[in-house]
């Protein structure tokens, strides 16, 4: 696991910021591991998730980690961050994931946000 992943997993916002400023790659996913953003999302560190999203980290699978762990504030944040790019593909993929996992609250959050943005 990279130093950025360790800091994100523990929720150390200032260390994550320092590492990004020093040139750490927020999009790097270690072999057989999760990205820093996935670690932050699965551990419920919303402030770190927001920082990494703003820094351009890819958030393709983070919604899955956040919804599996019941971090609805992060689900909402990721929906808002992701909604600007490839809207229809984004919504269909996320709705299928939430439905498959049986997370009613996550599904309701996604549907509500989708209709507010359209």
PDB file of N, CA and C in Angstrom:
ATOM      1  N   UNK A   1       0.857  -1.173   0.000  1.00  0.00           N
ATOM      2  CA  UNK A   1       0.000   0.000   0.000  1.00  0.00           C
ATOM      3  C   UNK A   1       0.907   1.241   0.000  1.00  0.00           C
ATOM      4  N   UNK A   2       0.518   2.223  -0.794  1.00  0.00           N
ATOM      5  CA  UNK A   2       1.315   3.445  -0.903  1.00  0.00           C
ATOM      6  C   UNK A   2       1.129   4.328   0.325  1.00  0.00           C
ATOM      7  N   UNK A   3       2.053   5.267   0.580  1.00  0.00           N
ATOM      8  CA  UNK A   3       1.866   6.207   1.685  1.00  0.00           C
ATOM      9  C   UNK A   3       0.558   6.993   1.558  1.00  0.00           C
ATOM     10  N   UNK A   4       0.182   7.349   0.325  1.00  0.00           N
ATOM     11  CA  UNK A   4      -1.070   8.074   0.115  1.00  0.00           C
ATOM     12  C   UNK A   4      -2.264   7.210   0.511  1.00  0.00           C
ATOM     13  N   UNK A   5      -2.217   5.939   0.174  1.00  0.00           N
ATOM     14  CA  UNK A   5      -3.295   5.019   0.559  1.00  0.00           C
ATOM     15  C   UNK A   5      -3.387   4.876   2.075  1.00  0.00           C
ATOM     16  N   UNK A   6      -2.246   4.770   2.741  1.00  0.00           N
ATOM     17  CA  UNK A   6      -2.241   4.676   4.207  1.00  0.00           C
ATOM     18  C   UNK A   6      -2.868   5.919   4.831  1.00  0.00           C
ATOM     19  N   UNK A   7      -2.465   7.084   4.366  1.00  0.00           N
ATOM     20  CA  UNK A   7      -2.987   8.338   4.918  1.00  0.00           C
ATOM     21  C   UNK A   7      -4.483   8.471   4.649  1.00  0.00           C
ATOM     22  N   UNK A   8      -4.917   8.123   3.441  1.00  0.00           N
ATOM     23  CA  UNK A   8      -6.335   8.213   3.091  1.00  0.00           C
ATOM     24  C   UNK A   8      -7.165   7.231   3.906  1.00  0.00           C
ATOM     25  N   UNK A   9      -6.644   6.029   4.086  1.00  0.00           N
ATOM     26  CA  UNK A   9      -7.338   5.003   4.854  1.00  0.00           C
ATOM     27  C   UNK A   9      -7.542   5.419   6.305  1.00  0.00           C
ATOM     28  N   UNK A  10      -6.571   6.131   6.851  1.00  0.00           N
ATOM     29  CA  UNK A  10      -6.649   6.586   8.243  1.00  0.00           C
ATOM     30  C   UNK A  10      -7.374   7.921   8.386  1.00  0.00           C
ATOM     31  N   UNK A  11      -7.686   8.570   7.264  1.00  0.00           N
ATOM     32  CA  UNK A  11      -8.411   9.838   7.326  1.00  0.00           C
ATOM     33  C   UNK A  11      -7.554  11.038   7.654  1.00  0.00           C
ATOM     34  N   UNK A  12      -6.256  10.954   7.387  1.00  0.00           N
ATOM     35  CA  UNK A  12      -5.336  12.052   7.695  1.00  0.00           C
ATOM     36  C   UNK A  12      -5.323  13.067   6.550  1.00  0.00           C
ATOM     37  N   UNK A  13      -6.256  14.004   6.610  1.00  0.00           N
ATOM     38  CA  UNK A  13      -6.460  14.977   5.537  1.00  0.00           C
ATOM     39  C   UNK A  13      -5.201  15.760   5.220  1.00  0.00           C
ATOM     40  N   UNK A  14      -4.539  16.271   6.237  1.00  0.00           N
ATOM     41  CA  UNK A  14      -3.374  17.125   5.999  1.00  0.00           C
ATOM     42  C   UNK A  14      -2.200  16.344   5.408  1.00  0.00           C
ATOM     43  N   UNK A  15      -2.055  15.094   5.793  1.00  0.00           N
ATOM     44  CA  UNK A  15      -0.988  14.270   5.217  1.00  0.00           C
ATOM     45  C   UNK A  15      -1.311  13.947   3.760  1.00  0.00           C
ATOM     46  N   UNK A  16      -2.578  13.646   3.474  1.00  0.00           N
ATOM     47  CA  UNK A  16      -2.993  13.410   2.088  1.00  0.00           C
ATOM     48  C   UNK A  16      -2.711  14.646   1.248  1.00  0.00           C
ATOM     49  N   UNK A  17      -3.072  15.806   1.771  1.00  0.00           N
ATOM     50  CA  UNK A  17      -2.833  17.062   1.053  1.00  0.00           C
ATOM     51  C   UNK A  17      -1.340  17.291   0.827  1.00  0.00           C
ATOM     52  N   UNK A  18      -0.543  17.036   1.844  1.00  0.00           N
ATOM     53  CA  UNK A  18       0.909  17.191   1.741  1.00  0.00           C
ATOM     54  C   UNK A  18       1.489  16.247   0.682  1.00  0.00           C
ATOM     55  N   UNK A  19       1.049  15.000   0.693  1.00  0.00           N
ATOM     56  CA  UNK A  19       1.536  14.026  -0.283  1.00  0.00           C
ATOM     57  C   UNK A  19       1.134  14.404  -1.709  1.00  0.00           C
ATOM     58  N   UNK A  20      -0.093  14.875  -1.885  1.00  0.00           N
ATOM     59  CA  UNK A  20      -0.532  15.310  -3.214  1.00  0.00           C
ATOM     60  C   UNK A  20       0.277  16.513  -3.687  1.00  0.00           C
ATOM     61  N   UNK A  21       0.506  17.462  -2.780  1.00  0.00           N
ATOM     62  CA  UNK A  21       1.300  18.649  -3.126  1.00  0.00           C
ATOM     63  C   UNK A  21       2.738  18.276  -3.483  1.00  0.00           C
ATOM     64  N   UNK A  22       3.227  17.189  -2.877  1.00  0.00           N
ATOM     65  CA  UNK A  22       4.597  16.737  -3.144  1.00  0.00           C
ATOM     66  C   UNK A  22       4.688  15.877  -4.411  1.00  0.00           C
ATOM     67  N   UNK A  23       3.541  15.638  -5.059  1.00  0.00           N
ATOM     68  CA  UNK A  23       3.556  14.918  -6.321  1.00  0.00           C
ATOM     69  C   UNK A  23       3.045  13.495  -6.290  1.00  0.00           C
ATOM     70  N   UNK A  24       2.469  13.066  -5.175  1.00  0.00           N
ATOM     71  CA  UNK A  24       1.912  11.712  -5.128  1.00  0.00           C
ATOM     72  C   UNK A  24       0.793  11.593  -6.157  1.00  0.00           C
ATOM     73  N   UNK A  25       0.715  10.439  -6.798  1.00  0.00           N
ATOM     74  CA  UNK A  25      -0.280  10.208  -7.838  1.00  0.00           C
ATOM     75  C   UNK A  25      -1.569   9.685  -7.211  1.00  0.00           C
ATOM     76  N   UNK A  26      -2.588  10.532  -7.173  1.00  0.00           N
ATOM     77  CA  UNK A  26      -3.870  10.156  -6.585  1.00  0.00           C
ATOM     78  C   UNK A  26      -4.638   9.139  -7.400  1.00  0.00           C
ATOM     79  N   UNK A  27      -4.237   8.924  -8.641  1.00  0.00           N
ATOM     80  CA  UNK A  27      -4.945   7.967  -9.491  1.00  0.00           C
ATOM     81  C   UNK A  27      -4.307   6.585  -9.477  1.00  0.00           C
ATOM     82  N   UNK A  28      -3.188   6.445  -8.796  1.00  0.00           N
ATOM     83  CA  UNK A  28      -2.468   5.177  -8.762  1.00  0.00           C
ATOM     84  C   UNK A  28      -3.226   4.142  -7.937  1.00  0.00           C
ATOM     85  N   UNK A  29      -3.393   2.968  -8.502  1.00  0.00           N
ATOM     86  CA  UNK A  29      -3.979   1.842  -7.775  1.00  0.00           C
ATOM     87  C   UNK A  29      -2.917   0.760  -7.685  1.00  0.00           C
ATOM     88  N   UNK A  30      -2.430   0.478  -6.473  1.00  0.00           N
ATOM     89  CA  UNK A  30      -1.404  -0.557  -6.327  1.00  0.00           C
ATOM     90  C   UNK A  30      -1.916  -1.905  -6.834  1.00  0.00           C
ATOM     91  N   UNK A  31      -1.007  -2.745  -7.294  1.00  0.00           N
ATOM     92  CA  UNK A  31      -1.376  -4.076  -7.760  1.00  0.00           C
ATOM     93  C   UNK A  31      -2.098  -4.826  -6.643  1.00  0.00           C
ATOM     94  N   UNK A  32      -3.218  -5.422  -6.979  1.00  0.00           N
ATOM     95  CA  UNK A  32      -4.036  -6.179  -6.022  1.00  0.00           C
ATOM     96  C   UNK A  32      -4.481  -5.332  -4.839  1.00  0.00           C
ATOM     97  N   UNK A  33      -4.732  -4.076  -5.074  1.00  0.00           N
ATOM     98  CA  UNK A  33      -5.157  -3.218  -3.980  1.00  0.00           C
ATOM     99  C   UNK A  33      -6.185  -2.203  -4.414  1.00  0.00           C
ATOM    100  N   UNK A  34      -6.462  -1.299  -3.498  1.00  0.00           N
ATOM    101  CA  UNK A  34      -7.422  -0.239  -3.760  1.00  0.00           C
ATOM    102  C   UNK A  34      -6.673   1.078  -3.871  1.00  0.00           C
ATOM    103  N   UNK A  35      -7.286   2.025  -4.553  1.00  0.00           N
ATOM    104  CA  UNK A  35      -6.709   3.360  -4.663  1.00  0.00           C
ATOM    105  C   UNK A  35      -6.891   4.102  -3.340  1.00  0.00           C
ATOM    106  N   UNK A  36      -6.216   5.219  -3.212  1.00  0.00           N
ATOM    107  CA  UNK A  36      -6.360   6.045  -2.012  1.00  0.00           C
ATOM    108  C   UNK A  36      -7.811   6.477  -1.837  1.00  0.00           C
ATOM    109  N   UNK A  37      -8.468   6.831  -2.933  1.00  0.00           N
ATOM    110  CA  UNK A  37      -9.866   7.255  -2.866  1.00  0.00           C
ATOM    111  C   UNK A  37     -10.774   6.114  -2.420  1.00  0.00           C
ATOM    112  N   UNK A  38     -10.517   4.912  -2.899  1.00  0.00           N
ATOM    113  CA  UNK A  38     -11.314   3.758  -2.475  1.00  0.00           C
ATOM    114  C   UNK A  38     -11.127   3.483  -0.985  1.00  0.00           C
ATOM    115  N   UNK A  39      -9.899   3.631  -0.495  1.00  0.00           N
ATOM    116  CA  UNK A  39      -9.652   3.458   0.944  1.00  0.00           C
ATOM    117  C   UNK A  39     -10.422   4.498   1.750  1.00  0.00           C
ATOM    118  N   UNK A  40     -10.341   5.748   1.342  1.00  0.00           N
ATOM    119  CA  UNK A  40     -11.036   6.816   2.067  1.00  0.00           C
ATOM    120  C   UNK A  40     -12.545   6.599   2.037  1.00  0.00           C
ATOM    121  N   UNK A  41     -13.082   6.207   0.879  1.00  0.00           N
ATOM    122  CA  UNK A  41     -14.528   5.988   0.746  1.00  0.00           C
ATOM    123  C   UNK A  41     -15.001   4.822   1.602  1.00  0.00           C
ATOM    124  N   UNK A  42     -14.241   3.739   1.628  1.00  0.00           N
ATOM    125  CA  UNK A  42     -14.672   2.568   2.394  1.00  0.00           C
ATOM    126  C   UNK A  42     -14.541   2.766   3.897  1.00  0.00           C
ATOM    127  N   UNK A  43     -13.681   3.702   4.322  1.00  0.00           N
ATOM    128  CA  UNK A  43     -13.524   3.978   5.751  1.00  0.00           C
ATOM    129  C   UNK A  43     -14.334   5.183   6.215  1.00  0.00           C
ATOM    130  N   UNK A  44     -15.068   5.816   5.298  1.00  0.00           N
ATOM    131  CA  UNK A  44     -15.971   6.899   5.687  1.00  0.00           C
ATOM    132  C   UNK A  44     -15.320   8.245   5.919  1.00  0.00           C
ATOM    133  N   UNK A  45     -14.191   8.493   5.303  1.00  0.00           N
ATOM    134  CA  UNK A  45     -13.486   9.767   5.489  1.00  0.00           C
ATOM    135  C   UNK A  45     -13.892  10.754   4.389  1.00  0.00           C
ATOM    136  N   UNK A  46     -15.038  11.396   4.590  1.00  0.00           N
ATOM    137  CA  UNK A  46     -15.625  12.271   3.570  1.00  0.00           C
ATOM    138  C   UNK A  46     -14.699  13.413   3.183  1.00  0.00           C
ATOM    139  N   UNK A  47     -14.011  13.999   4.148  1.00  0.00           N
ATOM    140  CA  UNK A  47     -13.134  15.133   3.852  1.00  0.00           C
ATOM    141  C   UNK A  47     -11.975  14.713   2.942  1.00  0.00           C
ATOM    142  N   UNK A  48     -11.466  13.501   3.129  1.00  0.00           N
ATOM    143  CA  UNK A  48     -10.385  12.996   2.280  1.00  0.00           C
ATOM    144  C   UNK A  48     -10.934  12.637   0.897  1.00  0.00           C
ATOM    145  N   UNK A  49     -12.126  12.055   0.849  1.00  0.00           N
ATOM    146  CA  UNK A  49     -12.768  11.741  -0.431  1.00  0.00           C
ATOM    147  C   UNK A  49     -12.930  13.010  -1.258  1.00  0.00           C
ATOM    148  N   UNK A  50     -13.424  14.059  -0.633  1.00  0.00           N
ATOM    149  CA  UNK A  50     -13.631  15.327  -1.340  1.00  0.00           C
ATOM    150  C   UNK A  50     -12.311  15.874  -1.882  1.00  0.00           C
ATOM    151  N   UNK A  51     -11.273  15.852  -1.068  1.00  0.00           N
ATOM    152  CA  UNK A  51      -9.959  16.346  -1.495  1.00  0.00           C
ATOM    153  C   UNK A  51      -9.430  15.547  -2.683  1.00  0.00           C
ATOM    154  N   UNK A  52      -9.512  14.229  -2.601  1.00  0.00           N
ATOM    155  CA  UNK A  52      -9.001  13.384  -3.681  1.00  0.00           C
ATOM    156  C   UNK A  52      -9.819  13.550  -4.965  1.00  0.00           C
ATOM    157  N   UNK A  53     -11.131  13.698  -4.836  1.00  0.00           N
ATOM    158  CA  UNK A  53     -11.968  13.945  -6.021  1.00  0.00           C
ATOM    159  C   UNK A  53     -11.592  15.270  -6.671  1.00  0.00           C
ATOM    160  N   UNK A  54     -11.411  16.294  -5.863  1.00  0.00           N
ATOM    161  CA  UNK A  54     -11.030  17.609  -6.387  1.00  0.00           C
ATOM    162  C   UNK A  54      -9.642  17.571  -7.018  1.00  0.00           C
ATOM    163  N   UNK A  55      -8.795  16.665  -6.551  1.00  0.00           N
ATOM    164  CA  UNK A  55      -7.441  16.532  -7.099  1.00  0.00           C
ATOM    165  C   UNK A  55      -7.424  15.690  -8.373  1.00  0.00           C
ATOM    166  N   UNK A  56      -8.586  15.174  -8.770  1.00  0.00           N
ATOM    167  CA  UNK A  56      -8.674  14.439 -10.022  1.00  0.00           C
ATOM    168  C   UNK A  56      -8.538  12.935  -9.928  1.00  0.00           C
ATOM    169  N   UNK A  57      -8.619  12.395  -8.729  1.00  0.00           N
ATOM    170  CA  UNK A  57      -8.535  10.935  -8.590  1.00  0.00           C
ATOM    171  C   UNK A  57      -9.755  10.288  -9.244  1.00  0.00           C
ATOM    172  N   UNK A  58      -9.560   9.190  -9.965  1.00  0.00           N
ATOM    173  CA  UNK A  58     -10.704   8.522 -10.607  1.00  0.00           C
ATOM    174  C   UNK A  58     -11.606   7.877  -9.563  1.00  0.00           C
ATOM    175  N   UNK A  59     -12.902   8.056  -9.738  1.00  0.00           N
ATOM    176  CA  UNK A  59     -13.825   7.546  -8.724  1.00  0.00           C
ATOM    177  C   UNK A  59     -14.768   6.503  -9.292  1.00  0.00           C
ATOM    178  N   UNK A  60     -14.279   5.704 -10.213  1.00  0.00           N
ATOM    179  CA  UNK A  60     -15.116   4.701 -10.866  1.00  0.00           C
ATOM    180  C   UNK A  60     -15.729   3.699  -9.892  1.00  0.00           C
ATOM    181  N   UNK A  61     -14.934   3.110  -9.032  1.00  0.00           N
ATOM    182  CA  UNK A  61     -15.459   2.059  -8.156  1.00  0.00           C
ATOM    183  C   UNK A  61     -15.656   2.515  -6.712  1.00  0.00           C
ATOM    184  N   UNK A  62     -15.406   3.773  -6.440  1.00  0.00           N
ATOM    185  CA  UNK A  62     -15.521   4.257  -5.059  1.00  0.00           C
ATOM    186  C   UNK A  62     -16.947   4.231  -4.543  1.00  0.00           C
ATOM    187  N   UNK A  63     -17.893   4.472  -5.427  1.00  0.00           N
ATOM    188  CA  UNK A  63     -19.290   4.469  -5.013  1.00  0.00           C
ATOM    189  C   UNK A  63     -19.682   3.101  -4.477  1.00  0.00           C
ATOM    190  N   UNK A  64     -19.171   2.073  -5.098  1.00  0.00           N
ATOM    191  CA  UNK A  64     -19.433   0.712  -4.637  1.00  0.00           C
ATOM    192  C   UNK A  64     -18.916   0.525  -3.214  1.00  0.00           C
ATOM    193  N   UNK A  65     -17.684   0.961  -2.951  1.00  0.00           N
ATOM    194  CA  UNK A  65     -17.108   0.821  -1.609  1.00  0.00           C
ATOM    195  C   UNK A  65     -17.901   1.625  -0.581  1.00  0.00           C
ATOM    196  N   UNK A  66     -18.251   2.847  -0.913  1.00  0.00           N
ATOM    197  CA  UNK A  66     -18.989   3.696   0.032  1.00  0.00           C
ATOM    198  C   UNK A  66     -20.369   3.125   0.321  1.00  0.00           C
ATOM    199  N   UNK A  67     -21.070   2.655  -0.723  1.00  0.00           N
ATOM    200  CA  UNK A  67     -22.420   2.135  -0.498  1.00  0.00           C
ATOM    201  C   UNK A  67     -22.394   0.798   0.236  1.00  0.00           C
ATOM    202  N   UNK A  68     -21.404  -0.041  -0.050  1.00  0.00           N
ATOM    203  CA  UNK A  68     -21.284  -1.317   0.672  1.00  0.00           C
ATOM    204  C   UNK A  68     -21.102  -1.092   2.169  1.00  0.00           C
ATOM    205  N   UNK A  69     -20.395  -0.014   2.515  1.00  0.00           N
ATOM    206  CA  UNK A  69     -20.102   0.269   3.922  1.00  0.00           C
ATOM    207  C   UNK A  69     -21.133   1.192   4.563  1.00  0.00           C
ATOM    208  N   UNK A  70     -22.129   1.633   3.793  1.00  0.00           N
ATOM    209  CA  UNK A  70     -23.192   2.466   4.346  1.00  0.00           C
ATOM    210  C   UNK A  70     -22.814   3.910   4.587  1.00  0.00           C
ATOM    211  N   UNK A  71     -21.840   4.420   3.866  1.00  0.00           N
ATOM    212  CA  UNK A  71     -21.421   5.818   4.029  1.00  0.00           C
ATOM    213  C   UNK A  71     -22.199   6.690   3.046  1.00  0.00           C
ATOM    214  N   UNK A  72     -23.443   7.033   3.421  1.00  0.00           N
ATOM    215  CA  UNK A  72     -24.357   7.719   2.503  1.00  0.00           C
ATOM    216  C   UNK A  72     -23.917   9.145   2.207  1.00  0.00           C
ATOM    217  N   UNK A  73     -23.227   9.791   3.137  1.00  0.00           N
ATOM    218  CA  UNK A  73     -22.708  11.136   2.865  1.00  0.00           C
ATOM    219  C   UNK A  73     -21.672  11.086   1.741  1.00  0.00           C
ATOM    220  N   UNK A  74     -20.888  10.026   1.710  1.00  0.00           N
ATOM    221  CA  UNK A  74     -19.881   9.875   0.659  1.00  0.00           C
ATOM    222  C   UNK A  74     -20.548   9.469  -0.651  1.00  0.00           C
ATOM    223  N   UNK A  75     -21.577   8.630  -0.585  1.00  0.00           N
ATOM    224  CA  UNK A  75     -22.336   8.284  -1.790  1.00  0.00           C
ATOM    225  C   UNK A  75     -22.853   9.560  -2.439  1.00  0.00           C
ATOM    226  N   UNK A  76     -23.447  10.427  -1.645  1.00  0.00           N
ATOM    227  CA  UNK A  76     -23.988  11.687  -2.171  1.00  0.00           C
ATOM    228  C   UNK A  76     -22.871  12.545  -2.767  1.00  0.00           C
ATOM    229  N   UNK A  77     -21.760  12.658  -2.063  1.00  0.00           N
ATOM    230  CA  UNK A  77     -20.632  13.464  -2.538  1.00  0.00           C
ATOM    231  C   UNK A  77     -20.112  12.933  -3.876  1.00  0.00           C
ATOM    232  N   UNK A  78     -19.967  11.626  -3.982  1.00  0.00           N
ATOM    233  CA  UNK A  78     -19.479  11.030  -5.224  1.00  0.00           C
ATOM    234  C   UNK A  78     -20.468  11.232  -6.361  1.00  0.00           C
ATOM    235  N   UNK A  79     -21.757  11.134  -6.051  1.00  0.00           N
ATOM    236  CA  UNK A  79     -22.778  11.392  -7.067  1.00  0.00           C
ATOM    237  C   UNK A  79     -22.630  12.808  -7.601  1.00  0.00           C
ATOM    238  N   UNK A  80     -22.460  13.761  -6.711  1.00  0.00           N
ATOM    239  CA  UNK A  80     -22.336  15.158  -7.138  1.00  0.00           C
ATOM    240  C   UNK A  80     -21.039  15.402  -7.895  1.00  0.00           C
ATOM    241  N   UNK A  81     -19.943  14.784  -7.479  1.00  0.00           N
ATOM    242  CA  UNK A  81     -18.663  14.942  -8.185  1.00  0.00           C
ATOM    243  C   UNK A  81     -18.709  14.289  -9.567  1.00  0.00           C
ATOM    244  N   UNK A  82     -19.362  13.149  -9.660  1.00  0.00           N
ATOM    245  CA  UNK A  82     -19.360  12.371 -10.904  1.00  0.00           C
ATOM    246  C   UNK A  82     -20.413  12.820 -11.900  1.00  0.00           C
ATOM    247  N   UNK A  83     -21.413  13.528 -11.455  1.00  0.00           N
ATOM    248  CA  UNK A  83     -22.576  13.797 -12.293  1.00  0.00           C
ATOM    249  C   UNK A  83     -22.259  14.616 -13.531  1.00  0.00           C
ATOM    250  N   UNK A  84     -21.169  15.348 -13.517  1.00  0.00           N
ATOM    251  CA  UNK A  84     -20.866  16.222 -14.634  1.00  0.00           C
ATOM    252  C   UNK A  84     -20.333  15.474 -15.850  1.00  0.00           C
ATOM    253  N   UNK A  85     -19.757  14.296 -15.657  1.00  0.00           N
ATOM    254  CA  UNK A  85     -19.161  13.585 -16.789  1.00  0.00           C
ATOM    255  C   UNK A  85     -19.948  12.323 -17.110  1.00  0.00           C
ATOM    256  N   UNK A  86     -20.179  12.101 -18.368  1.00  0.00           N
ATOM    257  CA  UNK A  86     -20.914  10.938 -18.894  1.00  0.00           C
ATOM    258  C   UNK A  86     -22.113  10.579 -18.026  1.00  0.00           C
ATOM    259  N   UNK A  87     -23.052  11.502 -17.970  1.00  0.00           N
ATOM    260  CA  UNK A  87     -24.187  11.410 -17.060  1.00  0.00           C
ATOM    261  C   UNK A  87     -24.988  10.120 -17.217  1.00  0.00           C
ATOM    262  N   UNK A  88     -25.403   9.778 -18.417  1.00  0.00           N
ATOM    263  CA  UNK A  88     -26.285   8.622 -18.557  1.00  0.00           C
ATOM    264  C   UNK A  88     -25.580   7.315 -18.193  1.00  0.00           C
ATOM    265  N   UNK A  89     -24.341   7.124 -18.643  1.00  0.00           N
ATOM    266  CA  UNK A  89     -23.598   5.912 -18.295  1.00  0.00           C
ATOM    267  C   UNK A  89     -23.355   5.869 -16.790  1.00  0.00           C
ATOM    268  N   UNK A  90     -23.004   7.007 -16.207  1.00  0.00           N
ATOM    269  CA  UNK A  90     -22.776   7.084 -14.766  1.00  0.00           C
ATOM    270  C   UNK A  90     -24.000   6.600 -14.001  1.00  0.00           C
ATOM    271  N   UNK A  91     -25.166   7.159 -14.329  1.00  0.00           N
ATOM    272  CA  UNK A  91     -26.371   6.819 -13.572  1.00  0.00           C
ATOM    273  C   UNK A  91     -26.757   5.358 -13.756  1.00  0.00           C
ATOM    274  N   UNK A  92     -26.710   4.862 -14.963  1.00  0.00           N
ATOM    275  CA  UNK A  92     -27.119   3.478 -15.186  1.00  0.00           C
ATOM    276  C   UNK A  92     -26.194   2.503 -14.462  1.00  0.00           C
ATOM    277  N   UNK A  93     -24.895   2.724 -14.514  1.00  0.00           N
ATOM    278  CA  UNK A  93     -23.957   1.849 -13.807  1.00  0.00           C
ATOM    279  C   UNK A  93     -24.216   1.878 -12.309  1.00  0.00           C
ATOM    280  N   UNK A  94     -24.388   3.057 -11.742  1.00  0.00           N
ATOM    281  CA  UNK A  94     -24.559   3.193 -10.290  1.00  0.00           C
ATOM    282  C   UNK A  94     -25.893   2.635  -9.830  1.00  0.00           C
ATOM    283  N   UNK A  95     -26.945   2.873 -10.611  1.00  0.00           N
ATOM    284  CA  UNK A  95     -28.250   2.333 -10.238  1.00  0.00           C
ATOM    285  C   UNK A  95     -28.226   0.809 -10.257  1.00  0.00           C
ATOM    286  N   UNK A  96     -27.558   0.218 -11.225  1.00  0.00           N
ATOM    287  CA  UNK A  96     -27.445  -1.246 -11.282  1.00  0.00           C
ATOM    288  C   UNK A  96     -26.668  -1.790 -10.087  1.00  0.00           C
ATOM    289  N   UNK A  97     -25.584  -1.110  -9.723  1.00  0.00           N
ATOM    290  CA  UNK A  97     -24.773  -1.547  -8.578  1.00  0.00           C
ATOM    291  C   UNK A  97     -25.591  -1.472  -7.297  1.00  0.00           C
ATOM    292  N   UNK A  98     -26.257  -0.337  -7.076  1.00  0.00           N
ATOM    293  CA  UNK A  98     -27.044  -0.167  -5.850  1.00  0.00           C
ATOM    294  C   UNK A  98     -28.176  -1.190  -5.789  1.00  0.00           C
ATOM    295  N   UNK A  99     -28.836  -1.407  -6.913  1.00  0.00           N
ATOM    296  CA  UNK A  99     -29.931  -2.372  -6.953  1.00  0.00           C
ATOM    297  C   UNK A  99     -29.419  -3.784  -6.675  1.00  0.00           C
ATOM    298  N   UNK A 100     -28.299  -4.140  -7.290  1.00  0.00           N
ATOM    299  CA  UNK A 100     -27.736  -5.476  -7.104  1.00  0.00           C
ATOM    300  C   UNK A 100     -27.319  -5.715  -5.659  1.00  0.00           C
ATOM    301  N   UNK A 101     -26.840  -4.683  -5.015  1.00  0.00           N
ATOM    302  CA  UNK A 101     -26.407  -4.832  -3.628  1.00  0.00           C
ATOM    303  C   UNK A 101     -27.573  -4.790  -2.650  1.00  0.00           C
ATOM    304  N   UNK A 102     -28.733  -4.360  -3.133  1.00  0.00           N
ATOM    305  CA  UNK A 102     -29.899  -4.308  -2.264  1.00  0.00           C
ATOM    306  C   UNK A 102     -29.863  -3.172  -1.266  1.00  0.00           C
ATOM    307  N   UNK A 103     -29.122  -2.126  -1.567  1.00  0.00           N
ATOM    308  CA  UNK A 103     -29.025  -0.994  -0.657  1.00  0.00           C
ATOM    309  C   UNK A 103     -30.093   0.031  -1.008  1.00  0.00           C
ATOM    310  N   UNK A 104     -31.223  -0.062  -0.343  1.00  0.00           N
ATOM    311  CA  UNK A 104     -32.358   0.799  -0.640  1.00  0.00           C
ATOM    312  C   UNK A 104     -32.022   2.268  -0.441  1.00  0.00           C
ATOM    313  N   UNK A 105     -31.343   2.600   0.647  1.00  0.00           N
ATOM    314  CA  UNK A 105     -31.011   4.003   0.912  1.00  0.00           C
ATOM    315  C   UNK A 105     -30.074   4.530  -0.162  1.00  0.00           C
ATOM    316  N   UNK A 106     -29.101   3.740  -0.554  1.00  0.00           N
ATOM    317  CA  UNK A 106     -28.182   4.153  -1.607  1.00  0.00           C
ATOM    318  C   UNK A 106     -28.930   4.370  -2.911  1.00  0.00           C
ATOM    319  N   UNK A 107     -29.813   3.466  -3.252  1.00  0.00           N
ATOM    320  CA  UNK A 107     -30.601   3.586  -4.474  1.00  0.00           C
ATOM    321  C   UNK A 107     -31.478   4.832  -4.423  1.00  0.00           C
ATOM    322  N   UNK A 108     -32.114   5.075  -3.285  1.00  0.00           N
ATOM    323  CA  UNK A 108     -32.958   6.265  -3.142  1.00  0.00           C
ATOM    324  C   UNK A 108     -32.129   7.535  -3.264  1.00  0.00           C
ATOM    325  N   UNK A 109     -30.941   7.548  -2.682  1.00  0.00           N
ATOM    326  CA  UNK A 109     -30.056   8.712  -2.780  1.00  0.00           C
ATOM    327  C   UNK A 109     -29.685   8.980  -4.226  1.00  0.00           C
ATOM    328  N   UNK A 110     -29.310   7.953  -4.951  1.00  0.00           N
ATOM    329  CA  UNK A 110     -28.923   8.112  -6.354  1.00  0.00           C
ATOM    330  C   UNK A 110     -30.078   8.622  -7.204  1.00  0.00           C
ATOM    331  N   UNK A 111     -31.254   8.055  -7.018  1.00  0.00           N
ATOM    332  CA  UNK A 111     -32.413   8.483  -7.806  1.00  0.00           C
ATOM    333  C   UNK A 111     -32.769   9.926  -7.486  1.00  0.00           C
ATOM    334  N   UNK A 112     -32.782  10.285  -6.220  1.00  0.00           N
ATOM    335  CA  UNK A 112     -33.106  11.660  -5.821  1.00  0.00           C
ATOM    336  C   UNK A 112     -32.104  12.643  -6.416  1.00  0.00           C
ATOM    337  N   UNK A 113     -30.818  12.346  -6.322  1.00  0.00           N
ATOM    338  CA  UNK A 113     -29.799  13.241  -6.868  1.00  0.00           C
ATOM    339  C   UNK A 113     -29.904  13.335  -8.387  1.00  0.00           C
ATOM    340  N   UNK A 114     -30.216  12.209  -9.030  1.00  0.00           N
ATOM    341  CA  UNK A 114     -30.325  12.208 -10.482  1.00  0.00           C
ATOM    342  C   UNK A 114     -31.430  13.161 -10.929  1.00  0.00           C
ATOM    343  N   UNK A 115     -32.580  13.110 -10.277  1.00  0.00           N
ATOM    344  CA  UNK A 115     -33.684  13.969 -10.681  1.00  0.00           C
ATOM    345  C   UNK A 115     -33.449  15.428 -10.320  1.00  0.00           C
ATOM    346  N   UNK A 116     -32.701  15.693  -9.279  1.00  0.00           N
ATOM    347  CA  UNK A 116     -32.379  17.079  -8.932  1.00  0.00           C
ATOM    348  C   UNK A 116     -31.422  17.689  -9.935  1.00  0.00           C
ATOM    349  N   UNK A 117     -30.540  16.886 -10.518  1.00  0.00           N
ATOM    350  CA  UNK A 117     -29.547  17.396 -11.461  1.00  0.00           C
ATOM    351  C   UNK A 117     -30.087  17.525 -12.878  1.00  0.00           C
ATOM    352  N   UNK A 118     -31.136  16.790 -13.202  1.00  0.00           N
ATOM    353  CA  UNK A 118     -31.670  16.824 -14.574  1.00  0.00           C
ATOM    354  C   UNK A 118     -32.590  17.989 -14.797  1.00  0.00           C
TER     355      UNK A 118
END
